[in-house]
Structures are given as structure tokens and as C-alpha cells.
Amino acid sequence: MHGAVKERVCVVCRRVADMPKPKVASDRRQCANCREPIWVAKKWPTTSVKICSHCMKRDGSKNPNGSRLH
């Protein structure tokens, strides 16, 4: 999933604390904002900024279609 925070495109990832086992092949990284451990799918480009879903919600960004954040 991706979103926009502070006018930059980001990949939104689940925190390790929220999802102990990822559903897809993932690497453990850190959120670019809060530095919490997150799961990053291996298929995502390495150049994209990765943030956790908590930071996405905290920054006030919303999904334009109103669908759930996964």
C-alpha cells in the first residue's frame, strides 16, 4: 500500500508489534518517521520511503477512496 505524507509518496507498512508474522515475504526494517520496526514486502523498491500505518494516521493523511488501510 502507498500513501502521501508531507507531500512525498510513501510505502505504508505494518509494525512488527501489530503483525508478528507477515503474510508475504518481507524484511524487517524501521519506520522512516518513528523508527519502530516494520515489515517491508520484498517486492517494494528500495528507494521508496517506508513508514508505519501509525505514522500515516498520525500525520493526518487519509485514503482518498475511504478504503481501509492494510
PDB file of N, CA and C in Angstrom:
ATOM      1  N   MET A   1       0.848  -1.159   0.000  1.00  0.00           N
ATOM      2  CA  MET A   1       0.000   0.000   0.000  1.00  0.00           C
ATOM      3  C   MET A   1       0.899   1.229   0.000  1.00  0.00           C
ATOM      4  N   HIS A   2       0.408   2.291  -0.583  1.00  0.00           N
ATOM      5  CA  HIS A   2       1.185   3.532  -0.596  1.00  0.00           C
ATOM      6  C   HIS A   2       0.275   4.693  -0.212  1.00  0.00           C
ATOM      7  N   GLY A   3       0.886   5.791   0.164  1.00  0.00           N
ATOM      8  CA  GLY A   3       0.148   6.994   0.537  1.00  0.00           C
ATOM      9  C   GLY A   3       1.044   8.199   0.403  1.00  0.00           C
ATOM     10  N   ALA A   4       0.488   9.375   0.708  1.00  0.00           N
ATOM     11  CA  ALA A   4       1.271  10.605   0.636  1.00  0.00           C
ATOM     12  C   ALA A   4       1.279  11.262   2.001  1.00  0.00           C
ATOM     13  N   VAL A   5       2.466  11.561   2.503  1.00  0.00           N
ATOM     14  CA  VAL A   5       2.645  12.225   3.781  1.00  0.00           C
ATOM     15  C   VAL A   5       3.598  13.382   3.565  1.00  0.00           C
ATOM     16  N   LYS A   6       3.171  14.558   3.953  1.00  0.00           N
ATOM     17  CA  LYS A   6       4.004  15.758   3.819  1.00  0.00           C
ATOM     18  C   LYS A   6       4.523  15.902   2.385  1.00  0.00           C
ATOM     19  N   GLU A   7       3.628  15.701   1.430  1.00  0.00           N
ATOM     20  CA  GLU A   7       3.906  15.875   0.004  1.00  0.00           C
ATOM     21  C   GLU A   7       4.973  14.930  -0.542  1.00  0.00           C
ATOM     22  N   ARG A   8       5.107  13.753   0.037  1.00  0.00           N
ATOM     23  CA  ARG A   8       6.004  12.743  -0.517  1.00  0.00           C
ATOM     24  C   ARG A   8       5.266  11.407  -0.566  1.00  0.00           C
ATOM     25  N   VAL A   9       5.558  10.617  -1.561  1.00  0.00           N
ATOM     26  CA  VAL A   9       4.928   9.309  -1.709  1.00  0.00           C
ATOM     27  C   VAL A   9       5.664   8.326  -0.815  1.00  0.00           C
ATOM     28  N   CYS A  10       4.893   7.575  -0.037  1.00  0.00           N
ATOM     29  CA  CYS A  10       5.473   6.641   0.919  1.00  0.00           C
ATOM     30  C   CYS A  10       4.830   5.269   0.773  1.00  0.00           C
ATOM     31  N   VAL A  11       5.563   4.245   1.166  1.00  0.00           N
ATOM     32  CA  VAL A  11       5.030   2.904   1.286  1.00  0.00           C
ATOM     33  C   VAL A  11       4.628   2.739   2.744  1.00  0.00           C
ATOM     34  N   VAL A  12       3.364   2.381   2.977  1.00  0.00           N
ATOM     35  CA  VAL A  12       2.860   2.212   4.339  1.00  0.00           C
ATOM     36  C   VAL A  12       2.949   0.737   4.704  1.00  0.00           C
ATOM     37  N   CYS A  13       3.600   0.438   5.827  1.00  0.00           N
ATOM     38  CA  CYS A  13       3.861  -0.935   6.247  1.00  0.00           C
ATOM     39  C   CYS A  13       3.302  -1.177   7.645  1.00  0.00           C
ATOM     40  N   ARG A  14       3.068  -2.431   7.962  1.00  0.00           N
ATOM     41  CA  ARG A  14       2.608  -2.816   9.298  1.00  0.00           C
ATOM     42  C   ARG A  14       3.781  -2.876  10.260  1.00  0.00           C
ATOM     43  N   ARG A  15       3.503  -2.485  11.507  1.00  0.00           N
ATOM     44  CA  ARG A  15       4.503  -2.618  12.557  1.00  0.00           C
ATOM     45  C   ARG A  15       4.642  -4.076  12.949  1.00  0.00           C
ATOM     46  N   VAL A  16       5.846  -4.463  13.359  1.00  0.00           N
ATOM     47  CA  VAL A  16       6.091  -5.824  13.814  1.00  0.00           C
ATOM     48  C   VAL A  16       5.208  -6.131  15.022  1.00  0.00           C
ATOM     49  N   ALA A  17       5.013  -5.155  15.905  1.00  0.00           N
ATOM     50  CA  ALA A  17       4.182  -5.352  17.095  1.00  0.00           C
ATOM     51  C   ALA A  17       2.717  -5.627  16.729  1.00  0.00           C
ATOM     52  N   ASP A  18       2.248  -5.085  15.612  1.00  0.00           N
ATOM     53  CA  ASP A  18       0.860  -5.277  15.188  1.00  0.00           C
ATOM     54  C   ASP A  18       0.662  -6.555  14.385  1.00  0.00           C
ATOM     55  N   MET A  19       1.712  -7.053  13.756  1.00  0.00           N
ATOM     56  CA  MET A  19       1.630  -8.252  12.923  1.00  0.00           C
ATOM     57  C   MET A  19       2.915  -9.055  13.117  1.00  0.00           C
ATOM     58  N   PRO A  20       2.926  -9.972  14.101  1.00  0.00           N
ATOM     59  CA  PRO A  20       4.151 -10.733  14.390  1.00  0.00           C
ATOM     60  C   PRO A  20       4.687 -11.531  13.205  1.00  0.00           C
ATOM     61  N   LYS A  21       3.786 -12.042  12.343  1.00  0.00           N
ATOM     62  CA  LYS A  21       4.217 -12.792  11.159  1.00  0.00           C
ATOM     63  C   LYS A  21       3.607 -12.143   9.925  1.00  0.00           C
ATOM     64  N   PRO A  22       4.434 -11.669   9.001  1.00  0.00           N
ATOM     65  CA  PRO A  22       3.886 -11.051   7.794  1.00  0.00           C
ATOM     66  C   PRO A  22       3.231 -12.093   6.887  1.00  0.00           C
ATOM     67  N   LYS A  23       2.264 -11.635   6.084  1.00  0.00           N
ATOM     68  CA  LYS A  23       1.536 -12.532   5.187  1.00  0.00           C
ATOM     69  C   LYS A  23       2.263 -12.751   3.868  1.00  0.00           C
ATOM     70  N   VAL A  24       3.216 -11.889   3.546  1.00  0.00           N
ATOM     71  CA  VAL A  24       4.008 -12.014   2.320  1.00  0.00           C
ATOM     72  C   VAL A  24       5.489 -12.002   2.687  1.00  0.00           C
ATOM     73  N   ALA A  25       6.333 -12.410   1.759  1.00  0.00           N
ATOM     74  CA  ALA A  25       7.780 -12.392   2.003  1.00  0.00           C
ATOM     75  C   ALA A  25       8.221 -10.962   2.311  1.00  0.00           C
ATOM     76  N   SER A  26       8.787 -10.760   3.501  1.00  0.00           N
ATOM     77  CA  SER A  26       9.110  -9.412   3.967  1.00  0.00           C
ATOM     78  C   SER A  26      10.450  -9.369   4.682  1.00  0.00           C
ATOM     79  N   ASP A  27      10.996  -8.169   4.741  1.00  0.00           N
ATOM     80  CA  ASP A  27      12.198  -7.888   5.517  1.00  0.00           C
ATOM     81  C   ASP A  27      11.814  -6.969   6.666  1.00  0.00           C
ATOM     82  N   ARG A  28      12.530  -7.098   7.757  1.00  0.00           N
ATOM     83  CA  ARG A  28      12.287  -6.236   8.908  1.00  0.00           C
ATOM     84  C   ARG A  28      13.131  -4.980   8.754  1.00  0.00           C
ATOM     85  N   ARG A  29      12.483  -3.817   8.789  1.00  0.00           N
ATOM     86  CA  ARG A  29      13.157  -2.512   8.657  1.00  0.00           C
ATOM     87  C   ARG A  29      12.647  -1.590   9.755  1.00  0.00           C
ATOM     88  N   GLN A  30      12.973  -0.297   9.651  1.00  0.00           N
ATOM     89  CA  GLN A  30      12.499   0.705  10.608  1.00  0.00           C
ATOM     90  C   GLN A  30      11.686   1.750   9.878  1.00  0.00           C
ATOM     91  N   CYS A  31      10.643   2.246  10.547  1.00  0.00           N
ATOM     92  CA  CYS A  31       9.821   3.324  10.007  1.00  0.00           C
ATOM     93  C   CYS A  31      10.689   4.573   9.853  1.00  0.00           C
ATOM     94  N   ALA A  32      10.542   5.273   8.737  1.00  0.00           N
ATOM     95  CA  ALA A  32      11.333   6.478   8.478  1.00  0.00           C
ATOM     96  C   ALA A  32      10.981   7.615   9.436  1.00  0.00           C
ATOM     97  N   ASN A  33       9.769   7.595  10.011  1.00  0.00           N
ATOM     98  CA  ASN A  33       9.365   8.666  10.926  1.00  0.00           C
ATOM     99  C   ASN A  33       9.670   8.355  12.386  1.00  0.00           C
ATOM    100  N   CYS A  34       9.155   7.214  12.876  1.00  0.00           N
ATOM    101  CA  CYS A  34       9.249   6.923  14.314  1.00  0.00           C
ATOM    102  C   CYS A  34      10.315   5.883  14.669  1.00  0.00           C
ATOM    103  N   ARG A  35      10.915   5.259  13.672  1.00  0.00           N
ATOM    104  CA  ARG A  35      11.985   4.265  13.840  1.00  0.00           C
ATOM    105  C   ARG A  35      11.515   2.947  14.467  1.00  0.00           C
ATOM    106  N   GLU A  36      10.201   2.724  14.552  1.00  0.00           N
ATOM    107  CA  GLU A  36       9.668   1.453  15.048  1.00  0.00           C
ATOM    108  C   GLU A  36       9.940   0.357  14.018  1.00  0.00           C
ATOM    109  N   PRO A  37      10.118  -0.901  14.452  1.00  0.00           N
ATOM    110  CA  PRO A  37      10.311  -1.990  13.499  1.00  0.00           C
ATOM    111  C   PRO A  37       9.041  -2.217  12.670  1.00  0.00           C
ATOM    112  N   ILE A  38       9.221  -2.382  11.366  1.00  0.00           N
ATOM    113  CA  ILE A  38       8.100  -2.621  10.451  1.00  0.00           C
ATOM    114  C   ILE A  38       8.454  -3.763   9.501  1.00  0.00           C
ATOM    115  N   TRP A  39       7.423  -4.348   8.887  1.00  0.00           N
ATOM    116  CA  TRP A  39       7.615  -5.348   7.836  1.00  0.00           C
ATOM    117  C   TRP A  39       7.521  -4.659   6.491  1.00  0.00           C
ATOM    118  N   VAL A  40       8.530  -4.840   5.652  1.00  0.00           N
ATOM    119  CA  VAL A  40       8.541  -4.268   4.308  1.00  0.00           C
ATOM    120  C   VAL A  40       8.557  -5.423   3.308  1.00  0.00           C
ATOM    121  N   ALA A  41       7.552  -5.466   2.456  1.00  0.00           N
ATOM    122  CA  ALA A  41       7.490  -6.529   1.456  1.00  0.00           C
ATOM    123  C   ALA A  41       8.724  -6.473   0.562  1.00  0.00           C
ATOM    124  N   LYS A  42       9.270  -7.616   0.252  1.00  0.00           N
ATOM    125  CA  LYS A  42      10.493  -7.678  -0.557  1.00  0.00           C
ATOM    126  C   LYS A  42      10.298  -7.133  -1.959  1.00  0.00           C
ATOM    127  N   LYS A  43       9.045  -7.102  -2.453  1.00  0.00           N
ATOM    128  CA  LYS A  43       8.805  -6.633  -3.818  1.00  0.00           C
ATOM    129  C   LYS A  43       8.820  -5.111  -3.944  1.00  0.00           C
ATOM    130  N   TRP A  44       8.772  -4.364  -2.840  1.00  0.00           N
ATOM    131  CA  TRP A  44       8.769  -2.898  -2.917  1.00  0.00           C
ATOM    132  C   TRP A  44      10.142  -2.369  -3.278  1.00  0.00           C
ATOM    133  N   PRO A  45      10.203  -1.309  -4.081  1.00  0.00           N
ATOM    134  CA  PRO A  45      11.506  -0.718  -4.446  1.00  0.00           C
ATOM    135  C   PRO A  45      12.243  -0.202  -3.212  1.00  0.00           C
ATOM    136  N   THR A  46      13.537  -0.335  -3.209  1.00  0.00           N
ATOM    137  CA  THR A  46      14.332   0.102  -2.057  1.00  0.00           C
ATOM    138  C   THR A  46      14.390   1.619  -1.934  1.00  0.00           C
ATOM    139  N   THR A  47      14.115   2.347  -3.012  1.00  0.00           N
ATOM    140  CA  THR A  47      14.212   3.808  -2.971  1.00  0.00           C
ATOM    141  C   THR A  47      12.987   4.471  -2.344  1.00  0.00           C
ATOM    142  N   SER A  48      11.872   3.761  -2.202  1.00  0.00           N
ATOM    143  CA  SER A  48      10.663   4.349  -1.622  1.00  0.00           C
ATOM    144  C   SER A  48      10.826   4.543  -0.114  1.00  0.00           C
ATOM    145  N   VAL A  49      10.248   5.613   0.411  1.00  0.00           N
ATOM    146  CA  VAL A  49      10.244   5.873   1.846  1.00  0.00           C
ATOM    147  C   VAL A  49       9.231   4.934   2.490  1.00  0.00           C
ATOM    148  N   LYS A  50       9.634   4.237   3.559  1.00  0.00           N
ATOM    149  CA  LYS A  50       8.741   3.315   4.248  1.00  0.00           C
ATOM    150  C   LYS A  50       8.343   3.890   5.604  1.00  0.00           C
ATOM    151  N   ILE A  51       7.024   3.960   5.847  1.00  0.00           N
ATOM    152  CA  ILE A  51       6.519   4.424   7.145  1.00  0.00           C
ATOM    153  C   ILE A  51       5.492   3.423   7.657  1.00  0.00           C
ATOM    154  N   CYS A  52       5.249   3.453   8.962  1.00  0.00           N
ATOM    155  CA  CYS A  52       4.262   2.548   9.549  1.00  0.00           C
ATOM    156  C   CYS A  52       2.862   3.144   9.438  1.00  0.00           C
ATOM    157  N   SER A  53       1.862   2.290   9.580  1.00  0.00           N
ATOM    158  CA  SER A  53       0.479   2.738   9.464  1.00  0.00           C
ATOM    159  C   SER A  53       0.125   3.732  10.577  1.00  0.00           C
ATOM    160  N   HIS A  54       0.776   3.633  11.728  1.00  0.00           N
ATOM    161  CA  HIS A  54       0.527   4.585  12.816  1.00  0.00           C
ATOM    162  C   HIS A  54       0.957   5.997  12.413  1.00  0.00           C
ATOM    163  N   CYS A  55       2.116   6.130  11.780  1.00  0.00           N
ATOM    164  CA  CYS A  55       2.592   7.448  11.333  1.00  0.00           C
ATOM    165  C   CYS A  55       1.712   7.984  10.212  1.00  0.00           C
ATOM    166  N   MET A  56       1.219   7.111   9.360  1.00  0.00           N
ATOM    167  CA  MET A  56       0.320   7.537   8.279  1.00  0.00           C
ATOM    168  C   MET A  56      -0.932   8.174   8.871  1.00  0.00           C
ATOM    169  N   LYS A  57      -1.500   7.543   9.880  1.00  0.00           N
ATOM    170  CA  LYS A  57      -2.710   8.066  10.534  1.00  0.00           C
ATOM    171  C   LYS A  57      -2.398   9.318  11.346  1.00  0.00           C
ATOM    172  N   ARG A  58      -1.261   9.329  12.031  1.00  0.00           N
ATOM    173  CA  ARG A  58      -0.885  10.452  12.891  1.00  0.00           C
ATOM    174  C   ARG A  58      -0.646  11.728  12.085  1.00  0.00           C
ATOM    175  N   ASP A  59      -0.089  11.597  10.878  1.00  0.00           N
ATOM    176  CA  ASP A  59       0.189  12.767  10.048  1.00  0.00           C
ATOM    177  C   ASP A  59      -1.064  13.344   9.408  1.00  0.00           C
ATOM    178  N   GLY A  60      -2.199  12.719   9.664  1.00  0.00           N
ATOM    179  CA  GLY A  60      -3.461  13.266   9.158  1.00  0.00           C
ATOM    180  C   GLY A  60      -3.783  12.897   7.732  1.00  0.00           C
ATOM    181  N   SER A  61      -2.984  12.061   7.122  1.00  0.00           N
ATOM    182  CA  SER A  61      -3.257  11.646   5.749  1.00  0.00           C
ATOM    183  C   SER A  61      -4.390  10.645   5.747  1.00  0.00           C
ATOM    184  N   LYS A  62      -5.219  10.713   4.749  1.00  0.00           N
ATOM    185  CA  LYS A  62      -6.349   9.812   4.640  1.00  0.00           C
ATOM    186  C   LYS A  62      -6.344   9.173   3.261  1.00  0.00           C
ATOM    187  N   ASN A  63      -6.881   7.986   3.213  1.00  0.00           N
ATOM    188  CA  ASN A  63      -7.018   7.300   1.945  1.00  0.00           C
ATOM    189  C   ASN A  63      -8.139   7.989   1.179  1.00  0.00           C
ATOM    190  N   PRO A  64      -7.911   8.505  -0.011  1.00  0.00           N
ATOM    191  CA  PRO A  64      -8.921   9.271  -0.725  1.00  0.00           C
ATOM    192  C   PRO A  64     -10.181   8.486  -1.069  1.00  0.00           C
ATOM    193  N   ASN A  65     -10.088   7.182  -1.180  1.00  0.00           N
ATOM    194  CA  ASN A  65     -11.253   6.378  -1.530  1.00  0.00           C
ATOM    195  C   ASN A  65     -12.034   5.924  -0.312  1.00  0.00           C
ATOM    196  N   GLY A  66     -11.522   6.201   0.870  1.00  0.00           N
ATOM    197  CA  GLY A  66     -12.198   5.805   2.093  1.00  0.00           C
ATOM    198  C   GLY A  66     -12.048   4.336   2.423  1.00  0.00           C
ATOM    199  N   SER A  67     -11.186   3.621   1.711  1.00  0.00           N
ATOM    200  CA  SER A  67     -10.997   2.206   1.991  1.00  0.00           C
ATOM    201  C   SER A  67     -10.049   2.036   3.164  1.00  0.00           C
ATOM    202  N   ARG A  68     -10.052   0.849   3.717  1.00  0.00           N
ATOM    203  CA  ARG A  68      -9.241   0.555   4.897  1.00  0.00           C
ATOM    204  C   ARG A  68      -7.764   0.536   4.570  1.00  0.00           C
ATOM    205  N   LEU A  69      -6.950   0.873   5.567  1.00  0.00           N
ATOM    206  CA  LEU A  69      -5.505   0.746   5.447  1.00  0.00           C
ATOM    207  C   LEU A  69      -5.143  -0.669   5.891  1.00  0.00           C
ATOM    208  N   HIS A  70      -4.385  -1.422   5.106  1.00  0.00           N
ATOM    209  CA  HIS A  70      -3.973  -2.775   5.470  1.00  0.00           C
ATOM    210  C   HIS A  70      -2.516  -2.740   5.760  1.00  0.00           C
TER     211      HIS A  70
END
